[in-house]
Amino acid sequence: MTSRFTELAVDCRDPERLAAFWCAALDFEVIDRGEGKVEIASWTPTAEDVRARQMPPTLLFLRVPEGRAGKNRLHLDLSPIDRGTAAEVARLLALGATTADVGQGPDRSWVVMADPEGNEFCVLRTLAPEENT
């Protein structure tokens, strides 16, 4: 293999705010920041680690002047690991997410949400042990 998926870039108006939301949502940490950008991850990548094996990509929030327009062409799916789906949705709402209607209909097993800048993501079935749901 000659390439690795290393970052998912997200254009946004306020990289600090969006990075803070996603750090809280995913239990990630800021690993780099600069003018108009903030990068977060669940680990601190090194070139050696990335060359050795595929690692989880980082999220890179980049300031752009224009706002989001239209439905996302790419979105994240989240699966709660220590609580039920409804409890996770409530936690994400408290962090600043909103529920979103993208035409999914009422009887779905997932919940469509949007982050503080309106980027849709889905909360899927829980992966928590049954006693935690």
Protein backbone atom coordinates (compact mmCIF):
# COMPACT_ATOMS: atom_id res chain seq x y z
CA MET A 1 0.00 0.00 0.00
CA THR A 2 1.35 3.42 -0.87
CA SER A 3 -1.07 5.79 0.90
CA ARG A 4 -2.94 6.01 4.20
CA PHE A 5 -6.15 7.82 5.15
CA THR A 6 -4.73 10.18 7.75
CA GLU A 7 -7.11 13.15 8.16
CA LEU A 8 -10.71 14.04 7.49
CA ALA A 9 -10.85 17.79 6.80
CA VAL A 10 -13.97 19.73 7.77
CA ASP A 11 -14.47 23.24 6.44
CA CYS A 12 -16.08 25.46 9.08
CA ARG A 13 -16.53 29.02 10.32
CA ASP A 14 -15.16 28.45 13.84
CA PRO A 15 -12.55 25.67 14.11
CA GLU A 16 -12.07 26.10 17.87
CA ARG A 17 -15.78 25.77 18.63
CA LEU A 18 -16.28 22.79 16.34
CA ALA A 19 -13.14 21.05 17.61
CA ALA A 20 -14.33 21.53 21.21
CA PHE A 21 -17.71 19.97 20.37
CA TRP A 22 -16.17 16.96 18.62
CA CYS A 23 -13.54 16.49 21.36
CA ALA A 24 -16.34 16.24 23.91
CA ALA A 25 -18.49 14.04 21.66
CA LEU A 26 -15.71 11.56 20.80
CA ASP A 27 -13.37 11.87 23.81
CA PHE A 28 -10.65 13.19 21.48
CA GLU A 29 -7.94 15.73 22.27
CA VAL A 30 -6.51 18.64 20.35
CA ILE A 31 -3.21 17.48 18.86
CA ASP A 32 -2.37 20.54 16.75
CA ARG A 33 -3.63 24.03 16.14
CA GLY A 34 -2.55 26.91 14.00
CA GLU A 35 -4.01 29.97 12.38
CA GLY A 36 -7.47 28.97 11.18
CA LYS A 37 -7.12 25.26 11.95
CA VAL A 38 -7.50 22.78 14.78
CA GLU A 39 -6.69 19.05 14.55
CA ILE A 40 -8.12 16.51 16.99
CA ALA A 41 -7.59 12.79 17.46
CA SER A 42 -7.91 9.83 19.78
CA TRP A 43 -4.14 9.35 19.58
CA THR A 44 -1.04 11.36 18.73
CA PRO A 45 0.10 10.22 15.31
CA THR A 46 3.72 9.74 14.36
CA ALA A 47 4.99 9.09 10.86
CA GLU A 48 6.36 5.73 12.06
CA ASP A 49 2.97 4.59 13.40
CA VAL A 50 1.18 5.61 10.22
CA ARG A 51 3.72 3.87 7.99
CA ALA A 52 3.53 0.70 10.10
CA ARG A 53 -0.26 0.26 10.01
CA GLN A 54 -3.54 1.98 9.25
CA MET A 55 -4.46 4.14 12.22
CA PRO A 56 -7.69 6.03 12.95
CA PRO A 57 -7.73 9.29 10.99
CA THR A 58 -7.66 12.63 12.73
CA LEU A 59 -10.30 15.33 12.27
CA LEU A 60 -8.96 18.61 10.93
CA PHE A 61 -11.19 21.70 11.21
CA LEU A 62 -10.28 24.44 8.74
CA ARG A 63 -11.67 27.98 8.78
CA VAL A 64 -13.38 29.03 5.56
CA PRO A 65 -15.26 32.28 4.92
CA GLU A 66 -18.46 30.78 3.55
CA GLY A 67 -21.10 28.89 5.52
CA ARG A 68 -22.29 25.37 4.81
CA ALA A 69 -24.68 25.06 1.87
CA GLY A 70 -26.90 22.05 1.19
CA LYS A 71 -26.90 18.52 2.58
CA ASN A 72 -23.62 16.88 3.57
CA ARG A 73 -22.10 14.57 0.96
CA LEU A 74 -20.12 12.84 3.73
CA HIS A 75 -21.06 12.34 7.36
CA LEU A 76 -19.85 10.58 10.49
CA ASP A 77 -21.71 7.68 12.11
CA LEU A 78 -21.33 7.30 15.87
CA SER A 79 -22.11 4.22 17.96
CA PRO A 80 -22.41 4.71 21.74
CA ILE A 81 -20.19 2.30 23.69
CA ASP A 82 -21.23 2.85 27.29
CA ARG A 83 -24.92 3.87 27.18
CA GLY A 84 -28.02 3.43 25.09
CA THR A 85 -28.71 5.39 21.93
CA ALA A 86 -31.32 7.65 23.57
CA ALA A 87 -28.94 8.55 26.41
CA GLU A 88 -26.19 9.32 23.91
CA VAL A 89 -28.51 11.54 21.87
CA ALA A 90 -29.39 13.43 25.08
CA ARG A 91 -25.68 13.86 25.91
CA LEU A 92 -24.92 15.19 22.42
CA LEU A 93 -27.87 17.59 22.60
CA ALA A 94 -26.46 18.93 25.87
CA LEU A 95 -23.09 19.47 24.13
CA GLY A 96 -24.71 21.64 21.45
CA ALA A 97 -25.89 19.22 18.77
CA THR A 98 -29.41 19.38 17.35
CA THR A 99 -31.63 16.76 15.78
CA ALA A 100 -31.95 16.99 12.01
CA ASP A 101 -34.45 15.89 9.40
CA VAL A 102 -32.85 14.83 6.13
CA GLY A 103 -35.88 12.85 5.02
CA GLN A 104 -35.02 9.75 7.03
CA GLY A 105 -38.60 9.10 8.19
CA PRO A 106 -39.84 8.41 11.71
CA ASP A 107 -39.23 4.67 12.14
CA ARG A 108 -35.46 4.44 11.83
CA SER A 109 -33.06 2.73 14.18
CA TRP A 110 -30.68 5.69 14.01
CA VAL A 111 -30.95 9.37 14.89
CA VAL A 112 -29.77 12.09 12.51
CA MET A 113 -28.18 15.01 14.30
CA ALA A 114 -26.19 18.12 13.40
CA ASP A 115 -23.12 19.58 15.08
CA PRO A 116 -23.05 23.27 16.09
CA GLU A 117 -22.32 24.35 12.50
CA GLY A 118 -25.07 22.19 11.00
CA ASN A 119 -22.97 19.27 9.73
CA GLU A 120 -25.11 16.14 9.90
CA PHE A 121 -24.01 12.97 11.64
CA CYS A 122 -25.87 9.86 12.78
CA VAL A 123 -26.10 8.11 16.13
CA LEU A 124 -26.47 4.41 15.43
CA ARG A 125 -27.30 1.43 17.60
CA THR A 126 -25.52 1.16 20.90
CA LEU A 127 -22.51 -1.09 21.33
CA ALA A 128 -22.78 -0.91 25.12
CA PRO A 129 -23.18 -4.09 27.14
CA GLU A 130 -26.87 -4.76 27.74
CA GLU A 131 -26.68 -3.87 31.44
CA ASN A 132 -25.61 -0.31 30.47
CA THR A 133 -28.52 0.43 28.13
